[in-house]
PDB file of N, CA and C in Angstrom:
ATOM      1  N   MET A   1      66.804  15.609   2.074  1.00  0.00           N
ATOM      2  CA  MET A   1      65.992  16.284   1.875  1.00  0.00           C
ATOM      3  C   MET A   1      64.572  16.495   1.104  1.00  0.00           C
ATOM      4  N   SER A   2      63.718  16.828   1.446  1.00  0.00           N
ATOM      5  CA  SER A   2      62.244  16.225   1.071  1.00  0.00           C
ATOM      6  C   SER A   2      62.167  17.518   0.054  1.00  0.00           C
ATOM      7  N   MET A   3      60.957  17.427  -0.799  1.00  0.00           N
ATOM      8  CA  MET A   3      60.428  18.553  -1.432  1.00  0.00           C
ATOM      9  C   MET A   3      59.852  19.791  -1.098  1.00  0.00           C
ATOM     10  N   PRO A   4      60.219  20.975  -1.628  1.00  0.00           N
ATOM     11  CA  PRO A   4      59.597  21.919  -0.979  1.00  0.00           C
ATOM     12  C   PRO A   4      57.784  21.705  -0.361  1.00  0.00           C
ATOM     13  N   LEU A   5      56.586  22.632   0.303  1.00  0.00           N
ATOM     14  CA  LEU A   5      55.515  22.606  -0.293  1.00  0.00           C
ATOM     15  C   LEU A   5      54.924  23.770  -1.189  1.00  0.00           C
ATOM     16  N   PRO A   6      54.510  23.016  -2.071  1.00  0.00           N
ATOM     17  CA  PRO A   6      53.806  24.050  -3.235  1.00  0.00           C
ATOM     18  C   PRO A   6      53.692  25.388  -2.487  1.00  0.00           C
ATOM     19  N   LEU A   7      53.560  26.785  -2.933  1.00  0.00           N
ATOM     20  CA  LEU A   7      53.259  27.964  -2.761  1.00  0.00           C
ATOM     21  C   LEU A   7      52.754  28.644  -3.627  1.00  0.00           C
ATOM     22  N   SER A   8      51.592  29.198  -3.536  1.00  0.00           N
ATOM     23  CA  SER A   8      51.286  30.732  -4.446  1.00  0.00           C
ATOM     24  C   SER A   8      51.001  31.739  -3.890  1.00  0.00           C
ATOM     25  N   VAL A   9      51.559  32.577  -4.308  1.00  0.00           N
ATOM     26  CA  VAL A   9      51.573  34.046  -3.385  1.00  0.00           C
ATOM     27  C   VAL A   9      51.045  35.129  -5.027  1.00  0.00           C
ATOM     28  N   VAL A  10      49.778  35.542  -3.942  1.00  0.00           N
ATOM     29  CA  VAL A  10      49.181  36.705  -4.780  1.00  0.00           C
ATOM     30  C   VAL A  10      49.746  37.715  -4.426  1.00  0.00           C
ATOM     31  N   ILE A  11      50.373  38.563  -5.322  1.00  0.00           N
ATOM     32  CA  ILE A  11      50.357  40.336  -5.398  1.00  0.00           C
ATOM     33  C   ILE A  11      49.255  41.037  -5.887  1.00  0.00           C
ATOM     34  N   LEU A  12      48.738  41.860  -4.773  1.00  0.00           N
ATOM     35  CA  LEU A  12      47.551  42.372  -5.636  1.00  0.00           C
ATOM     36  C   LEU A  12      47.300  44.321  -5.467  1.00  0.00           C
ATOM     37  N   ALA A  13      47.158  44.607  -6.606  1.00  0.00           N
ATOM     38  CA  ALA A  13      47.360  45.789  -6.373  1.00  0.00           C
ATOM     39  C   ALA A  13      45.816  46.464  -6.625  1.00  0.00           C
ATOM     40  N   SER A  14      45.394  47.836  -6.512  1.00  0.00           N
ATOM     41  CA  SER A  14      44.250  48.360  -6.969  1.00  0.00           C
ATOM     42  C   SER A  14      43.769  48.401  -8.454  1.00  0.00           C
ATOM     43  N   SER A  15      45.307  48.450  -8.760  1.00  0.00           N
ATOM     44  CA  SER A  15      45.316  48.729 -10.305  1.00  0.00           C
ATOM     45  C   SER A  15      46.192  48.537 -11.074  1.00  0.00           C
ATOM     46  N   GLU A  16      46.415  48.183 -12.540  1.00  0.00           N
ATOM     47  CA  GLU A  16      47.960  47.742 -13.230  1.00  0.00           C
ATOM     48  C   GLU A  16      48.754  49.218 -12.518  1.00  0.00           C
ATOM     49  N   ALA A  17      48.138  50.123 -12.526  1.00  0.00           N
ATOM     50  CA  ALA A  17      49.587  51.138 -12.393  1.00  0.00           C
ATOM     51  C   ALA A  17      50.477  50.728 -11.051  1.00  0.00           C
ATOM     52  N   GLY A  18      49.461  50.042 -10.597  1.00  0.00           N
ATOM     53  CA  GLY A  18      50.561  49.927  -8.837  1.00  0.00           C
ATOM     54  C   GLY A  18      51.587  48.776  -9.002  1.00  0.00           C
ATOM     55  N   PHE A  19      51.508  48.231 -10.267  1.00  0.00           N
ATOM     56  CA  PHE A  19      53.048  47.235 -10.554  1.00  0.00           C
ATOM     57  C   PHE A  19      53.631  48.038 -10.956  1.00  0.00           C
ATOM     58  N   GLN A  20      53.508  49.250 -11.226  1.00  0.00           N
ATOM     59  CA  GLN A  20      55.126  50.108 -11.573  1.00  0.00           C
ATOM     60  C   GLN A  20      56.288  49.477 -10.892  1.00  0.00           C
ATOM     61  N   GLY A  21      57.001  49.798 -11.666  1.00  0.00           N
ATOM     62  CA  GLY A  21      58.043  49.429 -11.076  1.00  0.00           C
ATOM     63  C   GLY A  21      58.879  47.670 -10.672  1.00  0.00           C
ATOM     64  N   ILE A  22      57.568  46.862 -10.666  1.00  0.00           N
ATOM     65  CA  ILE A  22      57.784  45.075 -10.364  1.00  0.00           C
ATOM     66  C   ILE A  22      58.807  44.332 -11.092  1.00  0.00           C
ATOM     67  N   LYS A  23      59.218  45.375 -12.518  1.00  0.00           N
ATOM     68  CA  LYS A  23      60.019  44.369 -13.324  1.00  0.00           C
ATOM     69  C   LYS A  23      61.503  44.242 -12.633  1.00  0.00           C
ATOM     70  N   LYS A  24      61.164  44.859 -12.055  1.00  0.00           N
ATOM     71  CA  LYS A  24      62.940  45.291 -11.398  1.00  0.00           C
ATOM     72  C   LYS A  24      62.957  44.142 -10.649  1.00  0.00           C
ATOM     73  N   ILE A  25      62.285  43.782 -10.160  1.00  0.00           N
ATOM     74  CA  ILE A  25      62.003  42.725  -8.536  1.00  0.00           C
ATOM     75  C   ILE A  25      62.702  41.676  -9.252  1.00  0.00           C
ATOM     76  N   THR A  26      63.841  41.165  -8.388  1.00  0.00           N
ATOM     77  CA  THR A  26      64.261  40.024  -9.141  1.00  0.00           C
ATOM     78  C   THR A  26      63.616  38.681  -7.849  1.00  0.00           C
ATOM     79  N   GLY A  27      63.664  37.257  -8.571  1.00  0.00           N
ATOM     80  CA  GLY A  27      62.547  36.369  -7.712  1.00  0.00           C
ATOM     81  C   GLY A  27      61.396  36.004  -7.705  1.00  0.00           C
ATOM     82  N   LEU A  28      60.950  36.956  -8.779  1.00  0.00           N
ATOM     83  CA  LEU A  28      59.688  36.649  -8.774  1.00  0.00           C
ATOM     84  C   LEU A  28      59.298  35.180  -9.714  1.00  0.00           C
ATOM     85  N   SER A  29      60.162  35.103 -10.584  1.00  0.00           N
ATOM     86  CA  SER A  29      59.998  34.020 -11.433  1.00  0.00           C
ATOM     87  C   SER A  29      61.860  33.224 -11.269  1.00  0.00           C
ATOM     88  N   LYS A  30      61.527  32.215 -11.329  1.00  0.00           N
ATOM     89  CA  LYS A  30      63.146  31.330 -10.976  1.00  0.00           C
ATOM     90  C   LYS A  30      62.519  29.996 -11.600  1.00  0.00           C
ATOM     91  N   PRO A  31      63.280  28.943 -12.315  1.00  0.00           N
ATOM     92  CA  PRO A  31      63.022  28.054 -12.985  1.00  0.00           C
ATOM     93  C   PRO A  31      62.733  26.678 -11.936  1.00  0.00           C
ATOM     94  N   GLY A  32      62.643  25.633 -12.424  1.00  0.00           N
ATOM     95  CA  GLY A  32      61.804  24.918 -11.696  1.00  0.00           C
ATOM     96  C   GLY A  32      60.839  24.669 -10.463  1.00  0.00           C
ATOM     97  N   ILE A  33      61.241  24.276  -9.347  1.00  0.00           N
ATOM     98  CA  ILE A  33      60.248  24.281  -7.865  1.00  0.00           C
ATOM     99  C   ILE A  33      60.686  25.405  -7.273  1.00  0.00           C
ATOM    100  N   SER A  34      59.543  26.305  -7.235  1.00  0.00           N
ATOM    101  CA  SER A  34      59.705  27.826  -6.506  1.00  0.00           C
ATOM    102  C   SER A  34      58.137  28.430  -6.346  1.00  0.00           C
ATOM    103  N   PRO A  35      58.252  29.229  -5.537  1.00  0.00           N
ATOM    104  CA  PRO A  35      56.750  29.831  -5.365  1.00  0.00           C
ATOM    105  C   PRO A  35      56.207  30.320  -6.713  1.00  0.00           C
ATOM    106  N   ARG A  36      55.266  30.086  -6.853  1.00  0.00           N
ATOM    107  CA  ARG A  36      54.429  30.757  -7.873  1.00  0.00           C
ATOM    108  C   ARG A  36      53.892  32.185  -7.877  1.00  0.00           C
ATOM    109  N   TYR A  37      54.126  32.932  -8.390  1.00  0.00           N
ATOM    110  CA  TYR A  37      53.439  34.562  -7.990  1.00  0.00           C
ATOM    111  C   TYR A  37      52.401  34.868  -9.004  1.00  0.00           C
ATOM    112  N   PHE A  38      51.460  35.465  -8.674  1.00  0.00           N
ATOM    113  CA  PHE A  38      50.308  36.166  -9.835  1.00  0.00           C
ATOM    114  C   PHE A  38      50.562  37.172  -9.498  1.00  0.00           C
ATOM    115  N   LEU A  39      50.102  38.606 -10.396  1.00  0.00           N
ATOM    116  CA  LEU A  39      49.656  39.561 -10.364  1.00  0.00           C
ATOM    117  C   LEU A  39      48.341  39.773 -10.238  1.00  0.00           C
ATOM    118  N   ALA A  40      47.869  40.209  -9.492  1.00  0.00           N
ATOM    119  CA  ALA A  40      46.244  40.770  -9.807  1.00  0.00           C
ATOM    120  C   ALA A  40      45.606  42.114  -9.377  1.00  0.00           C
ATOM    121  N   THR A  41      44.931  42.213  -9.647  1.00  0.00           N
ATOM    122  CA  THR A  41      44.228  43.456  -9.352  1.00  0.00           C
ATOM    123  C   THR A  41      42.915  43.428  -8.807  1.00  0.00           C
ATOM    124  N   LEU A  42      42.271  44.785  -8.496  1.00  0.00           N
ATOM    125  CA  LEU A  42      41.089  44.730  -8.245  1.00  0.00           C
ATOM    126  C   LEU A  42      40.174  45.319  -9.075  1.00  0.00           C
ATOM    127  N   ASP A  43      40.501  46.112 -10.083  1.00  0.00           N
ATOM    128  CA  ASP A  43      40.024  46.749 -11.579  1.00  0.00           C
ATOM    129  C   ASP A  43      40.129  45.207 -12.473  1.00  0.00           C
ATOM    130  N   ARG A  44      39.502  45.403 -13.517  1.00  0.00           N
ATOM    131  CA  ARG A  44      39.686  44.593 -14.668  1.00  0.00           C
ATOM    132  C   ARG A  44      40.939  44.678 -15.606  1.00  0.00           C
ATOM    133  N   PRO A  45      41.854  43.875 -15.525  1.00  0.00           N
ATOM    134  CA  PRO A  45      43.201  44.532 -16.379  1.00  0.00           C
ATOM    135  C   PRO A  45      42.920  44.330 -17.760  1.00  0.00           C
ATOM    136  N   SER A  46      44.063  45.182 -18.524  1.00  0.00           N
ATOM    137  CA  SER A  46      43.664  45.139 -19.816  1.00  0.00           C
ATOM    138  C   SER A  46      44.923  44.287 -20.289  1.00  0.00           C
ATOM    139  N   THR A  47      45.786  43.663 -19.148  1.00  0.00           N
ATOM    140  CA  THR A  47      46.744  42.585 -20.158  1.00  0.00           C
ATOM    141  C   THR A  47      46.676  40.892 -19.125  1.00  0.00           C
ATOM    142  N   GLN A  48      47.040  40.202 -20.154  1.00  0.00           N
ATOM    143  CA  GLN A  48      47.245  38.726 -19.721  1.00  0.00           C
ATOM    144  C   GLN A  48      47.968  38.280 -18.571  1.00  0.00           C
ATOM    145  N   LYS A  49      48.945  39.401 -18.444  1.00  0.00           N
ATOM    146  CA  LYS A  49      49.680  39.197 -17.900  1.00  0.00           C
ATOM    147  C   LYS A  49      49.709  39.456 -16.269  1.00  0.00           C
ATOM    148  N   ILE A  50      48.062  40.325 -15.925  1.00  0.00           N
ATOM    149  CA  ILE A  50      47.872  40.398 -14.664  1.00  0.00           C
ATOM    150  C   ILE A  50      46.384  39.939 -14.407  1.00  0.00           C
ATOM    151  N   THR A  51      45.669  39.149 -13.715  1.00  0.00           N
ATOM    152  CA  THR A  51      44.637  38.865 -13.404  1.00  0.00           C
ATOM    153  C   THR A  51      43.948  39.641 -12.561  1.00  0.00           C
ATOM    154  N   HIS A  52      42.496  39.423 -12.600  1.00  0.00           N
ATOM    155  CA  HIS A  52      41.373  39.892 -11.641  1.00  0.00           C
ATOM    156  C   HIS A  52      41.525  38.976 -10.585  1.00  0.00           C
ATOM    157  N   ILE A  53      41.303  39.629  -9.435  1.00  0.00           N
ATOM    158  CA  ILE A  53      41.634  39.049  -8.120  1.00  0.00           C
ATOM    159  C   ILE A  53      40.191  37.730  -8.135  1.00  0.00           C
ATOM    160  N   GLU A  54      39.222  38.419  -8.786  1.00  0.00           N
ATOM    161  CA  GLU A  54      38.151  36.845  -8.583  1.00  0.00           C
ATOM    162  C   GLU A  54      38.303  35.962  -9.564  1.00  0.00           C
ATOM    163  N   ASP A  55      38.928  36.005 -10.309  1.00  0.00           N
ATOM    164  CA  ASP A  55      39.567  35.102 -10.840  1.00  0.00           C
ATOM    165  C   ASP A  55      40.558  33.919 -10.452  1.00  0.00           C
ATOM    166  N   ILE A  56      40.591  34.280  -9.578  1.00  0.00           N
ATOM    167  CA  ILE A  56      41.914  33.367  -9.150  1.00  0.00           C
ATOM    168  C   ILE A  56      41.426  32.503  -7.940  1.00  0.00           C
ATOM    169  N   GLU A  57      41.858  31.050  -7.557  1.00  0.00           N
ATOM    170  CA  GLU A  57      41.261  30.267  -6.815  1.00  0.00           C
ATOM    171  C   GLU A  57      41.789  30.580  -5.474  1.00  0.00           C
ATOM    172  N   HIS A  58      40.768  31.464  -4.618  1.00  0.00           N
ATOM    173  CA  HIS A  58      41.283  31.776  -3.479  1.00  0.00           C
ATOM    174  C   HIS A  58      41.999  30.465  -2.317  1.00  0.00           C
ATOM    175  N   SER A  59      41.393  29.567  -2.667  1.00  0.00           N
ATOM    176  CA  SER A  59      41.933  28.578  -1.595  1.00  0.00           C
ATOM    177  C   SER A  59      43.064  28.021  -1.766  1.00  0.00           C
ATOM    178  N   GLN A  60      43.704  28.427  -2.752  1.00  0.00           N
ATOM    179  CA  GLN A  60      44.916  27.715  -3.132  1.00  0.00           C
ATOM    180  C   GLN A  60      45.848  28.683  -3.163  1.00  0.00           C
ATOM    181  N   VAL A  61      45.660  29.716  -2.782  1.00  0.00           N
ATOM    182  CA  VAL A  61      46.378  30.847  -2.219  1.00  0.00           C
ATOM    183  C   VAL A  61      47.352  30.459  -0.948  1.00  0.00           C
ATOM    184  N   GLY A  62      48.596  30.606  -0.477  1.00  0.00           N
ATOM    185  CA  GLY A  62      49.299  30.517   0.713  1.00  0.00           C
ATOM    186  C   GLY A  62      49.946  31.811   1.166  1.00  0.00           C
ATOM    187  N   PHE A  63      49.796  32.903  -0.172  1.00  0.00           N
ATOM    188  CA  PHE A  63      50.354  34.343   0.818  1.00  0.00           C
ATOM    189  C   PHE A  63      49.834  35.426   0.058  1.00  0.00           C
ATOM    190  N   TRP A  64      49.520  36.565   0.967  1.00  0.00           N
ATOM    191  CA  TRP A  64      48.712  37.431   0.107  1.00  0.00           C
ATOM    192  C   TRP A  64      49.715  39.075   0.634  1.00  0.00           C
ATOM    193  N   ILE A  65      50.244  39.432  -1.267  1.00  0.00           N
ATOM    194  CA  ILE A  65      50.954  40.971  -0.566  1.00  0.00           C
ATOM    195  C   ILE A  65      49.880  41.620  -1.195  1.00  0.00           C
ATOM    196  N   ALA A  66      49.843  42.608  -0.302  1.00  0.00           N
ATOM    197  CA  ALA A  66      49.061  44.020  -0.824  1.00  0.00           C
ATOM    198  C   ALA A  66      50.286  44.961  -1.101  1.00  0.00           C
ATOM    199  N   LEU A  67      49.422  45.987  -2.035  1.00  0.00           N
ATOM    200  CA  LEU A  67      50.565  46.956  -2.341  1.00  0.00           C
ATOM    201  C   LEU A  67      49.950  48.205  -2.341  1.00  0.00           C
ATOM    202  N   ASP A  68      48.696  48.088  -1.657  1.00  0.00           N
ATOM    203  CA  ASP A  68      48.135  49.263  -1.259  1.00  0.00           C
ATOM    204  C   ASP A  68      46.898  49.197   0.258  1.00  0.00           C
ATOM    205  N   GLU A  69      46.451  50.007   0.670  1.00  0.00           N
ATOM    206  CA  GLU A  69      45.250  49.773   1.607  1.00  0.00           C
ATOM    207  C   GLU A  69      44.004  49.044   1.273  1.00  0.00           C
ATOM    208  N   PRO A  70      43.463  49.759  -0.162  1.00  0.00           N
ATOM    209  CA  PRO A  70      42.233  48.985  -0.763  1.00  0.00           C
ATOM    210  C   PRO A  70      42.394  47.243  -0.975  1.00  0.00           C
ATOM    211  N   SER A  71      44.223  47.574  -1.642  1.00  0.00           N
ATOM    212  CA  SER A  71      44.227  45.853  -1.797  1.00  0.00           C
ATOM    213  C   SER A  71      44.391  44.621  -0.178  1.00  0.00           C
ATOM    214  N   ALA A  72      44.947  45.700   0.761  1.00  0.00           N
ATOM    215  CA  ALA A  72      45.253  45.356   2.151  1.00  0.00           C
ATOM    216  C   ALA A  72      43.939  44.441   2.271  1.00  0.00           C
ATOM    217  N   LEU A  73      42.797  45.287   2.254  1.00  0.00           N
ATOM    218  CA  LEU A  73      41.742  45.213   2.762  1.00  0.00           C
ATOM    219  C   LEU A  73      41.082  44.222   2.495  1.00  0.00           C
ATOM    220  N   GLN A  74      40.851  44.059   0.852  1.00  0.00           N
ATOM    221  CA  GLN A  74      40.715  42.948   0.171  1.00  0.00           C
ATOM    222  C   GLN A  74      41.394  41.452   0.434  1.00  0.00           C
ATOM    223  N   CYS A  75      42.648  41.805   0.461  1.00  0.00           N
ATOM    224  CA  CYS A  75      43.038  40.276   0.830  1.00  0.00           C
ATOM    225  C   CYS A  75      42.961  39.945   2.201  1.00  0.00           C
ATOM    226  N   ASN A  76      42.744  40.733   3.608  1.00  0.00           N
ATOM    227  CA  ASN A  76      42.106  40.484   4.618  1.00  0.00           C
ATOM    228  C   ASN A  76      40.630  39.974   4.721  1.00  0.00           C
ATOM    229  N   LYS A  77      39.722  40.405   4.006  1.00  0.00           N
ATOM    230  CA  LYS A  77      38.247  39.727   3.714  1.00  0.00           C
ATOM    231  C   LYS A  77      38.343  38.531   3.216  1.00  0.00           C
ATOM    232  N   VAL A  78      39.199  38.217   2.179  1.00  0.00           N
ATOM    233  CA  VAL A  78      39.364  36.960   1.335  1.00  0.00           C
ATOM    234  C   VAL A  78      40.097  36.144   2.730  1.00  0.00           C
ATOM    235  N   VAL A  79      40.888  36.306   3.522  1.00  0.00           N
ATOM    236  CA  VAL A  79      41.461  35.271   3.994  1.00  0.00           C
ATOM    237  C   VAL A  79      40.587  35.340   5.381  1.00  0.00           C
ATOM    238  N   ALA A  80      39.639  36.031   6.080  1.00  0.00           N
ATOM    239  CA  ALA A  80      38.942  35.929   6.849  1.00  0.00           C
ATOM    240  C   ALA A  80      37.836  34.884   6.827  1.00  0.00           C
ATOM    241  N   ALA A  81      37.185  34.961   4.854  1.00  0.00           N
ATOM    242  CA  ALA A  81      36.495  34.048   4.725  1.00  0.00           C
ATOM    243  C   ALA A  81      37.183  32.479   4.486  1.00  0.00           C
ATOM    244  N   LEU A  82      38.216  32.428   4.371  1.00  0.00           N
ATOM    245  CA  LEU A  82      38.797  31.085   3.899  1.00  0.00           C
ATOM    246  C   LEU A  82      39.090  30.334   5.225  1.00  0.00           C
ATOM    247  N   ARG A  83      39.221  31.016   6.372  1.00  0.00           N
ATOM    248  CA  ARG A  83      39.322  30.924   7.861  1.00  0.00           C
ATOM    249  C   ARG A  83      38.223  30.303   8.314  1.00  0.00           C
ATOM    250  N   CYS A  84      37.151  30.818   7.565  1.00  0.00           N
ATOM    251  CA  CYS A  84      35.817  30.411   8.203  1.00  0.00           C
ATOM    252  C   CYS A  84      35.483  28.637   7.853  1.00  0.00           C
ATOM    253  N   ASN A  85      36.377  28.366   6.761  1.00  0.00           N
ATOM    254  CA  ASN A  85      36.122  27.067   6.203  1.00  0.00           C
ATOM    255  C   ASN A  85      36.616  26.253   6.962  1.00  0.00           C
ATOM    256  N   PRO A  86      36.246  25.287   7.552  1.00  0.00           N
ATOM    257  CA  PRO A  86      37.241  24.027   8.780  1.00  0.00           C
ATOM    258  C   PRO A  86      38.031  23.441   7.728  1.00  0.00           C
ATOM    259  N   GLY A  87      38.058  23.570   6.458  1.00  0.00           N
ATOM    260  CA  GLY A  87      38.894  22.389   5.761  1.00  0.00           C
ATOM    261  C   GLY A  87      40.376  23.449   5.275  1.00  0.00           C
ATOM    262  N   TYR A  88      39.919  24.666   5.369  1.00  0.00           N
ATOM    263  CA  TYR A  88      41.074  25.316   4.856  1.00  0.00           C
ATOM    264  C   TYR A  88      42.520  25.076   5.688  1.00  0.00           C
ATOM    265  N   SER A  89      43.373  25.301   5.128  1.00  0.00           N
ATOM    266  CA  SER A  89      44.858  25.377   5.615  1.00  0.00           C
ATOM    267  C   SER A  89      46.275  25.785   5.194  1.00  0.00           C
ATOM    268  N   ARG A  90      46.702  26.304   5.607  1.00  0.00           N
ATOM    269  CA  ARG A  90      48.179  26.501   4.653  1.00  0.00           C
ATOM    270  C   ARG A  90      49.247  25.655   5.090  1.00  0.00           C
ATOM    271  N   GLY A  91      48.697  25.007   5.709  1.00  0.00           N
ATOM    272  CA  GLY A  91      49.988  23.854   5.831  1.00  0.00           C
ATOM    273  C   GLY A  91      51.155  24.717   6.941  1.00  0.00           C
ATOM    274  N   PHE A  92      52.537  24.060   6.827  1.00  0.00           N
ATOM    275  CA  PHE A  92      53.763  24.279   7.257  1.00  0.00           C
ATOM    276  C   PHE A  92      53.740  26.200   7.406  1.00  0.00           C
ATOM    277  N   TYR A  93      52.942  26.926   6.354  1.00  0.00           N
ATOM    278  CA  TYR A  93      53.099  28.315   6.110  1.00  0.00           C
ATOM    279  C   TYR A  93      52.620  29.238   7.240  1.00  0.00           C
ATOM    280  N   ASP A  94      51.526  28.503   8.074  1.00  0.00           N
ATOM    281  CA  ASP A  94      51.110  29.044   9.137  1.00  0.00           C
ATOM    282  C   ASP A  94      51.964  29.112  10.125  1.00  0.00           C
ATOM    283  N   VAL A  95      53.233  28.044  10.261  1.00  0.00           N
ATOM    284  CA  VAL A  95      54.693  28.994  10.646  1.00  0.00           C
ATOM    285  C   VAL A  95      55.938  29.391  10.306  1.00  0.00           C
ATOM    286  N   HIS A  96      56.005  29.257   9.156  1.00  0.00           N
ATOM    287  CA  HIS A  96      57.022  30.224   8.294  1.00  0.00           C
ATOM    288  C   HIS A  96      56.164  31.496   7.781  1.00  0.00           C
ATOM    289  N   LEU A  97      55.186  31.489   7.183  1.00  0.00           N
ATOM    290  CA  LEU A  97      54.599  33.040   6.958  1.00  0.00           C
ATOM    291  C   LEU A  97      53.412  32.689   7.892  1.00  0.00           C
ATOM    292  N   PRO A  98      53.980  33.321   9.361  1.00  0.00           N
ATOM    293  CA  PRO A  98      52.329  33.396   9.848  1.00  0.00           C
ATOM    294  C   PRO A  98      51.103  34.346   9.691  1.00  0.00           C
ATOM    295  N   ASN A  99      52.160  35.387   9.071  1.00  0.00           N
ATOM    296  CA  ASN A  99      50.763  36.311   8.776  1.00  0.00           C
ATOM    297  C   ASN A  99      50.482  36.275   7.040  1.00  0.00           C
ATOM    298  N   PRO A 100      48.942  35.798   6.751  1.00  0.00           N
ATOM    299  CA  PRO A 100      48.980  35.608   5.375  1.00  0.00           C
ATOM    300  C   PRO A 100      48.646  36.670   4.954  1.00  0.00           C
ATOM    301  N   VAL A 101      48.936  37.862   5.414  1.00  0.00           N
ATOM    302  CA  VAL A 101      48.586  38.989   4.252  1.00  0.00           C
ATOM    303  C   VAL A 101      49.447  40.107   4.912  1.00  0.00           C
ATOM    304  N   VAL A 102      50.517  40.560   4.101  1.00  0.00           N
ATOM    305  CA  VAL A 102      51.258  41.348   4.098  1.00  0.00           C
ATOM    306  C   VAL A 102      51.598  42.590   3.214  1.00  0.00           C
ATOM    307  N   LYS A 103      51.584  43.982   4.082  1.00  0.00           N
ATOM    308  CA  LYS A 103      51.073  45.189   2.951  1.00  0.00           C
ATOM    309  C   LYS A 103      52.312  45.574   2.746  1.00  0.00           C
ATOM    310  N   VAL A 104      52.946  46.242   1.629  1.00  0.00           N
ATOM    311  CA  VAL A 104      53.791  46.939   1.893  1.00  0.00           C
ATOM    312  C   VAL A 104      54.000  48.152   0.875  1.00  0.00           C
ATOM    313  N   ARG A 105      54.717  49.118   1.657  1.00  0.00           N
ATOM    314  CA  ARG A 105      54.680  50.290   0.849  1.00  0.00           C
ATOM    315  C   ARG A 105      55.619  50.451  -0.683  1.00  0.00           C
ATOM    316  N   ASN A 106      56.680  49.875  -0.579  1.00  0.00           N
ATOM    317  CA  ASN A 106      57.601  50.092  -1.874  1.00  0.00           C
ATOM    318  C   ASN A 106      57.909  49.058  -2.269  1.00  0.00           C
ATOM    319  N   MET A 107      58.880  49.352  -3.273  1.00  0.00           N
ATOM    320  CA  MET A 107      59.508  48.351  -4.128  1.00  0.00           C
ATOM    321  C   MET A 107      60.612  47.342  -3.596  1.00  0.00           C
ATOM    322  N   SER A 108      60.718  48.192  -2.407  1.00  0.00           N
ATOM    323  CA  SER A 108      62.155  47.825  -1.769  1.00  0.00           C
ATOM    324  C   SER A 108      61.393  46.514  -0.328  1.00  0.00           C
ATOM    325  N   GLU A 109      60.446  47.314  -0.118  1.00  0.00           N
ATOM    326  CA  GLU A 109      59.829  46.371   0.883  1.00  0.00           C
ATOM    327  C   GLU A 109      59.573  45.134   0.089  1.00  0.00           C
ATOM    328  N   LEU A 110      58.698  44.863  -1.293  1.00  0.00           N
ATOM    329  CA  LEU A 110      58.405  43.845  -1.614  1.00  0.00           C
ATOM    330  C   LEU A 110      59.720  43.110  -2.086  1.00  0.00           C
ATOM    331  N   LYS A 111      60.364  43.346  -2.306  1.00  0.00           N
ATOM    332  CA  LYS A 111      61.980  42.520  -2.794  1.00  0.00           C
ATOM    333  C   LYS A 111      62.828  41.957  -1.421  1.00  0.00           C
ATOM    334  N   LYS A 112      62.300  42.676  -0.544  1.00  0.00           N
ATOM    335  CA  LYS A 112      62.874  42.039   1.226  1.00  0.00           C
ATOM    336  C   LYS A 112      62.170  40.854   1.563  1.00  0.00           C
ATOM    337  N   LEU A 113      60.583  41.221   0.694  1.00  0.00           N
ATOM    338  CA  LEU A 113      59.444  40.037   1.200  1.00  0.00           C
ATOM    339  C   LEU A 113      59.426  38.908   0.128  1.00  0.00           C
ATOM    340  N   ILE A 114      59.953  39.051  -0.562  1.00  0.00           N
ATOM    341  CA  ILE A 114      59.850  38.131  -1.866  1.00  0.00           C
ATOM    342  C   ILE A 114      61.461  37.163  -1.094  1.00  0.00           C
ATOM    343  N   ASP A 115      62.499  37.634  -0.827  1.00  0.00           N
ATOM    344  CA  ASP A 115      63.023  37.143   0.217  1.00  0.00           C
ATOM    345  C   ASP A 115      63.008  36.520   0.945  1.00  0.00           C
ATOM    346  N   GLU A 116      61.797  36.732   2.039  1.00  0.00           N
ATOM    347  CA  GLU A 116      61.463  35.895   2.852  1.00  0.00           C
ATOM    348  C   GLU A 116      60.678  34.726   2.758  1.00  0.00           C
ATOM    349  N   VAL A 117      59.661  35.093   1.647  1.00  0.00           N
ATOM    350  CA  VAL A 117      58.809  34.137   0.884  1.00  0.00           C
ATOM    351  C   VAL A 117      59.762  32.931   0.300  1.00  0.00           C
ATOM    352  N   TRP A 118      60.846  33.428   0.061  1.00  0.00           N
ATOM    353  CA  TRP A 118      62.091  32.045  -0.629  1.00  0.00           C
ATOM    354  C   TRP A 118      62.492  31.475   0.569  1.00  0.00           C
ATOM    355  N   GLU A 119      62.726  31.598   1.561  1.00  0.00           N
ATOM    356  CA  GLU A 119      63.025  31.668   2.606  1.00  0.00           C
ATOM    357  C   GLU A 119      62.378  30.460   3.240  1.00  0.00           C
ATOM    358  N   ALA A 120      60.926  30.832   3.485  1.00  0.00           N
ATOM    359  CA  ALA A 120      60.136  30.564   4.013  1.00  0.00           C
ATOM    360  C   ALA A 120      59.678  28.748   3.277  1.00  0.00           C
ATOM    361  N   PHE A 121      59.504  28.951   1.981  1.00  0.00           N
ATOM    362  CA  PHE A 121      59.633  27.854   0.772  1.00  0.00           C
ATOM    363  C   PHE A 121      60.635  26.906   1.156  1.00  0.00           C
ATOM    364  N   CYS A 122      61.840  27.406   1.335  1.00  0.00           N
ATOM    365  CA  CYS A 122      63.041  26.080   1.114  1.00  0.00           C
ATOM    366  C   CYS A 122      62.684  25.440   2.646  1.00  0.00           C
ATOM    367  N   ALA A 123      62.264  26.077   3.579  1.00  0.00           N
ATOM    368  CA  ALA A 123      62.017  25.761   5.058  1.00  0.00           C
ATOM    369  C   ALA A 123      61.362  24.731   5.206  1.00  0.00           C
ATOM    370  N   THR A 124      60.188  24.885   4.193  1.00  0.00           N
ATOM    371  CA  THR A 124      59.227  23.636   3.847  1.00  0.00           C
ATOM    372  C   THR A 124      59.853  22.134   3.597  1.00  0.00           C
ATOM    373  N   SER A 125      61.128  22.038   3.222  1.00  0.00           N
ATOM    374  CA  SER A 125      61.640  20.916   2.466  1.00  0.00           C
ATOM    375  C   SER A 125      61.865  20.111   3.981  1.00  0.00           C
TER     376      SER A 125
END
């Protein structure tokens, strides 16, 4: 078995309020080698645990999770711009997570998606 491919995942919300209940989600942080999750907002956050979307290196993100419609629109806009760059690639994640942007409606959907991301991450090894 080889090493899984690195995977950075952004969970994007319009504002910090969109992350209410996210602390109950398991799988966002695992010790050792695992996908790296970044919480980001469209608004400037008031805490260091959450990043503004413009402060993220978009080309390093392999998967985007939107928590609301404005976030989904922004994620799709970023991915469309990335795809215009001939050097951009998500590697095997194009196969294992074919849609680079997924919008979830609630925390139970988010938990299920995080499990799917873990399975995709493991499948790349």
